[in-house]
Structure formats: C-alpha cells, structure tokens
Protein backbone atom coordinates (compact mmCIF):
# COMPACT_ATOMS: atom_id res chain seq x y z
CA MET A 1 135.32 157.04 142.41
CA SER A 2 136.54 154.37 139.97
CA THR A 3 135.63 154.42 136.29
CA GLU A 4 133.40 151.36 136.68
CA ASN A 5 131.46 152.98 139.54
CA MET A 6 131.07 156.17 137.51
CA ILE A 7 129.56 154.16 134.61
CA ARG A 8 127.21 152.37 136.98
CA ALA A 9 126.08 155.65 138.53
CA PHE A 10 125.53 157.17 135.09
CA MET A 11 123.50 154.17 133.85
CA THR A 12 121.43 154.24 137.04
CA ASP A 13 120.38 157.79 136.12
CA VAL A 14 119.63 156.64 132.58
CA ASN A 15 117.49 153.72 133.73
CA SER A 16 115.60 155.95 136.13
CA SER A 17 114.87 158.24 133.17
CA CYS A 18 113.70 155.24 131.16
CA ALA A 19 111.43 154.21 133.99
CA ASN A 20 109.67 157.56 133.76
CA VAL A 21 108.99 157.05 130.03
CA THR A 22 105.57 155.53 129.55
CA PRO A 23 105.25 153.54 126.30
CA THR A 24 102.31 154.46 124.18
CA PRO A 25 100.30 151.27 123.77
CA TYR A 26 98.46 150.59 120.55
CA SER A 27 94.91 151.73 120.83
CA PRO A 28 92.24 153.04 118.42
CA GLU A 29 92.94 156.54 119.69
CA VAL A 30 96.52 156.39 118.44
CA VAL A 31 95.41 156.27 114.81
CA ALA A 32 92.09 158.01 115.09
CA THR A 33 93.26 160.83 112.85
CA SER A 34 93.72 158.62 109.79
CA GLU A 35 92.24 155.56 108.20
CA ILE A 36 93.85 152.30 109.32
CA HIS A 37 95.17 150.36 106.36
CA GLY A 38 96.39 147.37 108.37
CA VAL A 39 99.41 145.46 109.54
CA PRO A 40 101.93 144.70 106.76
CA HIS A 41 102.71 141.08 106.04
CA CYS A 42 106.24 140.05 106.92
CA SER A 43 108.21 136.98 108.00
CA GLU A 44 108.15 136.61 111.77
CA GLU A 45 111.94 136.46 112.09
CA LEU A 46 112.20 139.91 110.50
CA LYS A 47 109.61 141.49 112.77
CA PRO A 48 110.84 143.34 115.90
CA PHE A 49 109.03 143.07 119.24
CA VAL A 50 109.00 144.85 122.59
CA GLY A 51 111.90 143.60 124.73
CA MET A 52 114.10 142.72 121.75
CA LYS A 53 117.73 143.61 122.47
CA PHE A 54 120.66 144.65 120.24
CA GLU A 55 124.36 145.09 120.95
CA ASN A 56 124.27 148.69 119.75
CA LEU A 57 121.88 151.22 118.27
CA GLU A 58 123.15 150.73 114.71
CA GLN A 59 122.17 147.06 114.81
CA GLY A 60 118.70 147.96 115.98
CA LEU A 61 118.20 150.55 113.24
CA ASP A 62 119.55 148.16 110.59
CA PHE A 63 117.13 145.49 111.77
CA TYR A 64 114.18 147.89 111.50
CA ASN A 65 115.33 148.98 108.04
CA ALA A 66 115.39 145.35 106.89
CA TYR A 67 111.90 144.90 108.36
CA ALA A 68 110.66 148.02 106.57
CA LYS A 69 112.07 146.84 103.26
CA ALA A 70 110.44 143.45 103.61
CA CYS A 71 107.10 145.10 104.42
CA GLY A 72 107.24 147.79 101.74
CA PHE A 73 107.61 151.13 103.52
CA SER A 74 110.41 153.61 104.13
CA PRO A 75 111.54 154.41 107.71
CA ARG A 76 112.73 157.78 108.94
CA LEU A 77 114.77 158.67 112.02
CA ASP A 78 112.83 160.73 114.52
CA SER A 79 113.58 162.14 117.99
CA SER A 80 116.58 161.32 120.18
CA LYS A 81 117.54 161.81 123.78
CA ILE A 82 121.23 162.35 124.47
CA ILE A 83 122.84 162.52 127.93
CA GLN A 84 126.52 163.46 128.21
CA GLY A 85 127.10 162.62 124.56
CA VAL A 86 125.44 159.18 124.78
CA THR A 87 122.18 158.44 122.95
CA THR A 88 119.87 156.96 125.57
CA HIS A 89 116.63 157.01 123.56
CA LYS A 90 116.01 156.85 119.83
CA SER A 91 112.82 156.56 117.81
CA CYS A 92 112.25 155.67 114.17
CA VAL A 93 108.96 156.29 112.35
CA CYS A 94 107.41 155.65 108.95
CA ASN A 95 108.28 158.30 106.37
CA LYS A 96 104.54 159.08 106.07
CA GLU A 97 104.29 159.99 109.75
CA GLY A 98 102.87 163.42 110.56
CA ASN A 99 100.95 165.81 108.32
CA ARG A 100 102.11 168.36 105.79
CA GLN A 101 101.97 172.01 106.75
CA HIS A 102 99.95 174.01 104.21
CA GLY A 103 101.24 177.50 104.92
CA GLY A 104 103.85 179.33 102.85
CA GLN A 105 104.20 176.87 99.96
CA LYS A 106 105.07 178.43 96.62
CA ARG A 107 104.50 175.40 94.41
CA ARG A 108 102.39 172.30 94.38
CA ARG A 109 103.89 169.20 95.95
CA ALA A 110 102.75 165.63 96.27
CA ILE A 111 101.22 164.64 99.61
CA THR A 112 103.75 162.40 101.36
CA ARG A 113 102.61 162.71 105.00
CA VAL A 114 99.37 160.96 105.94
CA GLY A 115 99.70 160.73 109.73
CA CYS A 116 100.97 157.13 109.79
CA PRO A 117 101.33 155.90 113.42
CA ALA A 118 103.92 153.15 112.78
CA LYS A 119 107.05 153.55 114.88
CA ILE A 120 109.72 151.86 116.96
CA LYS A 121 111.56 153.18 120.02
CA PHE A 122 114.86 152.05 121.54
CA LYS A 123 116.37 152.72 124.98
CA ARG A 124 119.90 152.16 126.22
CA LEU A 125 120.49 149.58 128.93
CA LEU A 126 123.16 149.42 131.64
CA PHE A 127 126.06 147.92 129.64
CA GLY A 128 125.47 149.63 126.31
CA GLU A 129 122.82 147.36 124.82
CA TYR A 130 119.64 148.80 123.31
CA GLU A 131 116.16 147.42 123.88
CA VAL A 132 112.91 147.95 121.98
CA TYR A 133 110.46 149.43 124.49
CA GLU A 134 107.71 150.47 122.04
CA PHE A 135 106.68 149.08 118.66
CA ILE A 136 103.61 149.95 116.58
CA GLU A 137 103.31 148.06 113.29
CA VAL A 138 99.96 149.40 112.05
CA HIS A 139 100.11 151.70 109.01
CA SER A 140 97.50 154.08 107.62
CA HIS A 141 98.54 153.62 103.99
CA ALA A 142 99.20 150.87 101.48
CA MET A 143 102.66 149.30 101.23
CA VAL A 144 104.65 149.58 98.01
CA THR A 145 105.18 146.63 95.71
CA PRO A 146 108.63 145.10 95.02
CA ALA A 147 108.58 146.69 91.55
CA THR A 148 108.22 150.19 93.01
CA MET A 149 110.59 149.64 95.96
CA ILE A 150 113.29 151.54 94.02
CA HIS A 151 111.36 154.78 94.52
CA LEU A 152 111.63 154.63 98.33
CA LYS A 153 114.38 157.01 99.43
CA SER A 154 115.62 154.80 102.27
CA PHE A 155 116.47 151.92 99.93
CA ARG A 156 117.96 153.93 97.08
CA LYS A 157 121.71 153.91 97.38
CA LEU A 158 124.53 154.32 94.90
CA ASN A 159 127.19 151.69 95.48
CA LEU A 160 130.75 151.60 94.15
CA VAL A 161 129.66 149.99 90.86
CA HIS A 162 127.14 152.77 90.19
CA LYS A 163 129.65 155.52 90.95
CA LYS A 164 132.45 153.99 88.91
CA MET A 165 130.19 153.60 85.88
CA ILE A 166 129.03 157.22 86.14
CA MET A 167 132.65 158.42 86.40
CA ASP A 168 133.89 156.22 83.54
CA ASN A 169 131.05 157.25 81.24
CA SER A 170 131.58 160.93 82.02
CA ARG A 171 135.09 160.61 80.60
CA VAL A 172 133.60 159.73 77.21
CA ASN A 173 130.90 162.42 77.41
CA GLN A 174 128.10 160.06 78.44
CA GLY A 175 125.74 161.77 80.86
CA PRO A 176 123.88 160.28 83.85
CA VAL A 177 120.69 159.63 81.82
CA LYS A 178 122.46 157.39 79.30
CA THR A 179 124.43 155.77 82.11
CA PHE A 180 121.22 154.95 83.97
CA ARG A 181 119.73 153.33 80.86
CA MET A 182 122.89 151.34 80.21
CA PHE A 183 122.95 150.11 83.80
CA LYS A 184 119.32 149.07 83.46
CA GLU A 185 120.28 146.86 80.51
CA TYR A 186 123.12 145.26 82.47
CA VAL A 187 120.91 144.30 85.43
CA ARG A 188 117.86 143.49 83.27
CA GLY A 189 115.32 145.96 84.52
CA TYR A 190 114.86 149.24 86.37
CA LYS A 191 113.77 147.39 89.51
CA ASN A 192 117.24 145.83 89.76
CA VAL A 193 119.23 149.06 89.42
CA GLY A 194 119.08 149.84 93.13
CA ALA A 195 118.88 153.59 92.59
CA SER A 196 116.82 156.10 90.67
CA LEU A 197 117.64 158.37 87.76
CA GLU A 198 117.68 161.34 90.15
CA ASP A 199 120.36 159.61 92.23
CA PHE A 200 122.53 159.25 89.12
CA LYS A 201 121.98 162.92 88.22
CA ASN A 202 122.68 164.13 91.75
CA PHE A 203 125.94 162.17 92.00
CA SER A 204 127.11 163.48 88.62
CA ARG A 205 126.24 167.03 89.73
CA ASP A 206 128.08 166.62 93.04
CA VAL A 207 131.20 165.30 91.31
CA LYS A 208 131.26 168.26 88.92
CA LYS A 209 130.78 170.65 91.82
CA TYR A 210 133.59 168.99 93.78
CA ILE A 211 136.17 169.14 90.98
CA LYS A 212 135.11 172.59 89.76
CA GLU A 213 138.03 174.33 91.46
CA TYR A 214 140.55 171.62 90.57
CA ASP A 215 139.65 170.78 86.96
CA ALA A 216 142.51 172.82 85.46
CA GLU A 217 145.03 171.08 87.74
CA MET A 218 143.51 167.71 86.82
CA LEU A 219 143.87 168.48 83.10
CA ILE A 220 147.53 169.46 83.38
CA GLU A 221 148.26 166.52 85.67
CA GLY A 222 146.66 164.19 83.12
CA PHE A 223 148.85 165.62 80.36
CA MET A 224 151.95 165.19 82.53
CA GLN A 225 151.06 161.56 83.16
CA LYS A 226 150.64 161.02 79.41
CA ARG A 227 154.04 162.53 78.74
CA ALA A 228 155.60 160.41 81.48
CA ARG A 229 154.23 157.28 79.77
CA CYS A 230 155.01 158.55 76.26
CA PRO A 231 157.84 161.09 75.92
CA SER A 232 156.68 161.89 72.35
CA PHE A 233 153.48 163.44 73.69
CA TYR A 234 153.73 167.22 73.44
CA PHE A 235 151.75 169.76 75.43
CA ASP A 236 152.08 173.26 76.78
CA PHE A 237 149.90 175.64 78.78
CA ASP A 238 149.80 179.21 80.01
CA VAL A 239 148.10 181.00 82.91
CA ASP A 240 147.23 184.62 83.60
CA ASP A 241 148.20 186.81 86.55
CA ASN A 242 145.44 185.20 88.66
CA LYS A 243 146.82 181.70 87.99
CA ARG A 244 143.85 180.83 85.80
CA LEU A 245 144.39 178.55 82.82
CA THR A 246 144.11 180.61 79.61
CA LYS A 247 145.84 178.52 76.92
CA VAL A 248 146.40 174.80 76.35
CA PHE A 249 147.99 173.00 73.40
CA TRP A 250 148.58 169.29 72.88
CA ALA A 251 149.59 166.80 70.16
CA ASP A 252 149.97 163.06 70.64
CA PRO A 253 152.44 160.85 68.69
CA ILE A 254 149.77 159.65 66.24
CA ALA A 255 148.80 163.24 65.42
CA ILE A 256 152.46 164.17 64.90
CA LYS A 257 152.90 161.15 62.60
CA ASN A 258 149.79 162.21 60.64
CA TYR A 259 151.34 165.63 60.14
CA ALA A 260 154.56 164.11 58.83
CA LEU A 261 152.54 162.19 56.22
CA PHE A 262 149.73 164.58 55.31
CA GLY A 263 150.79 167.95 56.73
CA ASP A 264 151.41 169.79 53.46
CA SER A 265 147.99 171.46 53.83
CA VAL A 266 146.63 172.35 57.29
CA SER A 267 143.21 173.67 58.22
CA PHE A 268 142.90 175.74 61.40
CA ASP A 269 139.31 176.33 62.51
CA THR A 270 138.04 178.30 65.52
CA THR A 271 134.33 178.38 64.67
CA PHE A 272 133.39 175.71 67.19
CA ASP A 273 131.12 176.60 70.10
CA PHE A 274 132.52 177.76 73.40
CA ASN A 275 132.72 175.14 76.13
CA GLU A 276 131.34 175.70 79.63
CA TYR A 277 134.59 177.46 80.59
CA ARG A 278 134.18 179.98 77.76
CA MET A 279 137.32 178.69 76.02
CA VAL A 280 137.58 178.30 72.23
CA PHE A 281 138.47 174.88 70.80
CA CYS A 282 141.11 175.19 68.04
CA PRO A 283 141.90 171.99 66.11
CA PHE A 284 144.60 171.62 63.44
CA THR A 285 143.32 169.17 60.82
CA GLY A 286 144.19 167.84 57.39
CA VAL A 287 143.13 165.27 54.77
CA ASP A 288 144.73 161.87 54.19
CA ASN A 289 145.05 159.91 50.95
CA HIS A 290 141.53 158.54 51.38
CA LYS A 291 139.97 162.03 51.57
CA LYS A 292 139.29 161.60 55.27
CA CYS A 293 140.03 164.16 57.99
CA VAL A 294 142.97 163.54 60.29
CA THR A 295 143.94 165.52 63.38
CA PHE A 296 147.38 167.07 63.76
CA ALA A 297 146.96 168.93 67.08
CA ALA A 298 144.44 170.88 69.15
CA GLY A 299 144.28 173.75 71.58
CA LEU A 300 142.06 175.76 73.89
CA ILE A 301 142.34 179.52 74.25
CA MET A 302 140.49 182.02 76.38
CA ARG A 303 140.79 184.99 73.99
CA GLU A 304 140.87 185.15 70.20
CA ASN A 305 143.63 187.74 69.83
CA GLU A 306 147.04 188.01 68.21
CA GLU A 307 148.93 186.96 71.33
CA SER A 308 146.87 183.77 71.78
CA PHE A 309 147.13 182.68 68.14
CA THR A 310 150.85 183.45 68.01
CA TRP A 311 151.31 181.26 71.11
CA LEU A 312 149.28 178.44 69.52
CA PHE A 313 151.12 178.54 66.17
CA ASP A 314 154.49 178.70 67.89
CA ASN A 315 153.72 175.57 69.92
CA PHE A 316 152.39 173.87 66.80
CA MET A 317 155.73 174.38 65.06
CA LYS A 318 157.63 173.14 68.13
CA ALA A 319 155.49 169.97 68.27
CA MET A 320 156.03 169.31 64.56
CA GLY A 321 159.79 169.74 64.73
CA GLY A 322 159.85 173.07 62.89
CA CYS A 323 158.44 171.61 59.67
CA TYR A 324 156.29 174.33 58.07
CA PRO A 325 153.11 173.39 56.17
CA THR A 326 152.87 174.38 52.52
CA THR A 327 149.40 175.89 52.94
CA LEU A 328 147.46 177.04 55.99
CA ILE A 329 143.70 177.52 55.59
CA THR A 330 141.91 179.61 58.21
CA ASP A 331 138.89 181.80 58.81
CA GLN A 332 138.93 185.52 58.10
CA CYS A 333 140.06 186.73 61.51
CA LEU A 334 142.44 189.62 62.19
CA GLY A 335 143.95 187.83 65.20
CA ILE A 336 144.65 184.69 63.16
CA LYS A 337 146.06 186.72 60.29
CA ALA A 338 148.49 188.51 62.63
CA GLY A 339 149.49 185.22 64.30
CA VAL A 340 150.17 183.58 60.94
CA LYS A 341 152.34 186.51 59.92
CA ASN A 342 154.33 186.28 63.18
CA VAL A 343 155.05 182.54 62.89
CA PHE A 344 154.57 181.31 59.30
CA SER A 345 155.56 184.42 57.30
CA GLY A 346 157.74 183.55 54.26
CA ASN A 347 157.38 179.79 54.79
CA THR A 348 153.66 179.04 54.42
CA THR A 349 150.97 180.24 52.03
CA HIS A 350 147.99 181.55 53.97
CA ARG A 351 144.55 181.14 52.43
CA PHE A 352 141.03 181.82 53.68
CA CYS A 353 138.55 178.96 53.92
CA MET A 354 136.12 178.94 50.98
CA TRP A 355 133.33 177.59 53.18
CA HIS A 356 133.53 180.66 55.39
CA ILE A 357 133.70 182.94 52.36
CA MET A 358 130.58 181.40 50.82
CA LYS A 359 128.81 181.59 54.16
CA LYS A 360 129.37 185.36 54.24
CA LEU A 361 128.43 185.81 50.58
CA PRO A 362 124.75 186.76 51.25
CA ASP A 363 125.89 189.68 53.41
CA LYS A 364 128.22 190.89 50.66
CA VAL A 365 125.96 190.64 47.57
CA GLY A 366 122.56 191.03 49.23
CA SER A 367 119.84 188.47 49.86
CA THR A 368 117.94 189.34 46.66
CA ILE A 369 120.82 188.40 44.37
CA TYR A 370 121.84 185.41 46.50
CA LYS A 371 118.35 183.91 46.28
CA ASP A 372 118.56 183.97 42.47
CA THR A 373 119.04 180.30 41.62
CA ASP A 374 120.92 181.06 38.40
CA PHE A 375 123.43 183.29 40.22
CA LEU A 376 123.98 180.72 42.98
CA LYS A 377 124.39 177.90 40.48
CA GLU A 378 126.83 179.85 38.33
CA ILE A 379 129.03 181.08 41.18
CA SER A 380 129.10 177.62 42.77
CA SER A 381 130.28 176.08 39.49
CA ILE A 382 133.19 178.52 39.50
CA VAL A 383 134.11 178.41 43.18
CA TRP A 384 133.98 174.64 43.63
CA ASN A 385 135.69 173.80 40.34
CA GLU A 386 139.02 172.13 41.15
CA ASP A 387 140.30 172.38 37.55
CA ILE A 388 139.77 176.12 37.01
CA GLU A 389 142.88 178.24 36.49
CA PRO A 390 143.44 181.58 38.29
CA THR A 391 143.12 183.63 35.09
CA GLU A 392 139.90 181.86 34.17
CA PHE A 393 138.58 182.39 37.70
CA GLU A 394 139.32 186.10 37.57
CA SER A 395 137.73 186.52 34.14
CA SER A 396 134.58 184.69 35.28
C-alpha cells in the first residue's frame, strides 16, 4: 500500500470517529448548574463559529486565545484525543470551568471554578486541517476589564525585554520588586507591563536556581574575561578537595593605583555579614587626601583561619607589587594575627582597630561603669584625641 493510500485509510478511520461524536448543542440544561451571566461582547471577526477551519491546531488555539482576550476571560486547554501520535480532537474551555473539590485542603483558597460552560472543540480533517465542531460562548461569570486583564494567567507572559531587564538589574543587586516598579514607570502604568509581580519573582527565582550549580564557574570566568581585556587586573582563587570554591581575591587597576597613592595605612575588616554562600567578605581599604574611603582589594574566604588569611595577605602583596604598607589595622582575631605575622612580619606595623576595641569595652569594664556618662566622656576624650602622645595616653 502506498503512503498516500495509508494516509487516506487512516483519515477515513478518524472521520468515522468524528462522525460518532455528537456535539453538545447549547441548551438551558447545559448551564443549569450555574447562573448565566451572558454572552461576552466581541467584534464579529474575532468570534469563532461552528464549521470554521484552520490550517493546523495551533492556529485554531491562537484564534480562540485572541477571542478570549478581546472578551475578557482566560482559556484553558482541556481534553484531547490522540490516534497514532496525531491529535484528532482537542477542546479548550474557560479557566472557570468545573467546580472546586472541597476535600483535603489545608489552607483557604480563592474560588476560581464556577462551572462555566463556555468551550470550543476542534477535530482534524482529512488533509490535516482542523475544524470547529462545537462552540459555546455563554459564560456564567462576569468578564474582566482591560485594566485587570494583566491578572489573567493566559495573557501574562514575560518577553525578552522583561527578562533582560530582570537579569541586568540583578547584576547591580536590584531585585524583581524594584525591577517591576521601574518597568511600570517605563510603560506608564501597571496595565501596560504585560506581566505580574509574581511573574517577575518567579523568573528571578528560576534563574537563581538554574545557575546555582554553576555560579562559581561563572565568577571565575568573569574574572578571566576581565583579565583578558585588562592585563593589569589581578585575581586568584582556591578550591578544596571537593572542587568547591573556598577563597577568592581580586584587585582592579584603579584599586592598585589607589594603593600606590594612599597605601601607607591599610584597614582590613572581616566583620561584614556572611553572604548566602556562607563566605566572609574581606575588603582592604584606606583613606585618601580628602578623608574618603578608597578600596585597594577584596576577597572572599570560607573559613576565618590562619591558612585563609595567610593566602589572602600573600595575594595582596603580589597584586601590589611587593610594596608593604606602613600600618595594617585589623580586628582582634587570632587567625588574622597569625596571617599578618606570616606575611608582613618585620615590614608592617600591626595595630588593632580602635572601633572594635571600644565596641568590646562594655564587656571588659562592666555595664555599670560603662553607663557612667563621666567615665565614657573622659575615656572618649583620650581615645579619640589625635594629638595625644603615648606617654600621656599611658599616664591617663
């Protein structure tokens, strides 16, 4: 049997199946279970009708979606009939079709199913076309207004512009909520956004979930691309036995130039909060001639121990061309102290940060003495006095 005859025999079986399908005509019994709200108003050229034909099923579904949007309701795909991998019958209903099941619900939910009878059904013809063989346009609920059309799930869709803006804003630590508000300003109103806030949040969540296992590779690849564009960019990293990123250090050319100008005194602070990867942010900072903070370098470490700080300080000296700072100010940490001794010993004066010392003062002298305003005033006048000499400080 030739291929053409096989197709004809197959479509004969399909058409015989279609002949046995009896369309459900519109009658009062069809919608007796719910209150009839009426037929939605729509332009006649957008309204489907029984006998209407389409080249393929996708065209038919797209036409019904356009009709639903013009009327103000959301369609939902329903049952299908598939023979030998070919869809011979397909139905599409209103998203409020059916009734909600009340059993086994753990939390309260809004009622979204009201038994709406509106539907459309397609069947496949001999040469691949699809024909509408049943269409009910009566709904048992009110249609939405154009202003609230954005809340219908079928017409909410993130396009390339939405996704690019979410991705670009995430690079500068702008979340999906701020991105949604910014987009609203660009298009002059929430009704013109084309998607909801939940869509923005869901896309941002999906992106984070997708890159979760590749974020370390993306970070190192980004640093390599920076160094390829700018050979003066310095970075280094280290991984553990399980190939997990444990240490990262970087310094760009501007930071290195800042160190050459203002690097006589360096502050190294690890008191910042952990990030979501439980890594500690470790910036190297200083002060310029205008009493403003400048950055020399930065790092991320997994553990605050001697080995990690020695690795950081060693890379810092490599990035700065082996030029030791005159003074290094840090927190009171045994790991930092050991790392400073391993790298800066004999070349740099190590001092503890006065802010950290004063922060721990209540634990040392007791809260009763610390709350004495005269004591606090007197010790502050000594500690924060830039002109006081060491002998005078000790005698005070």
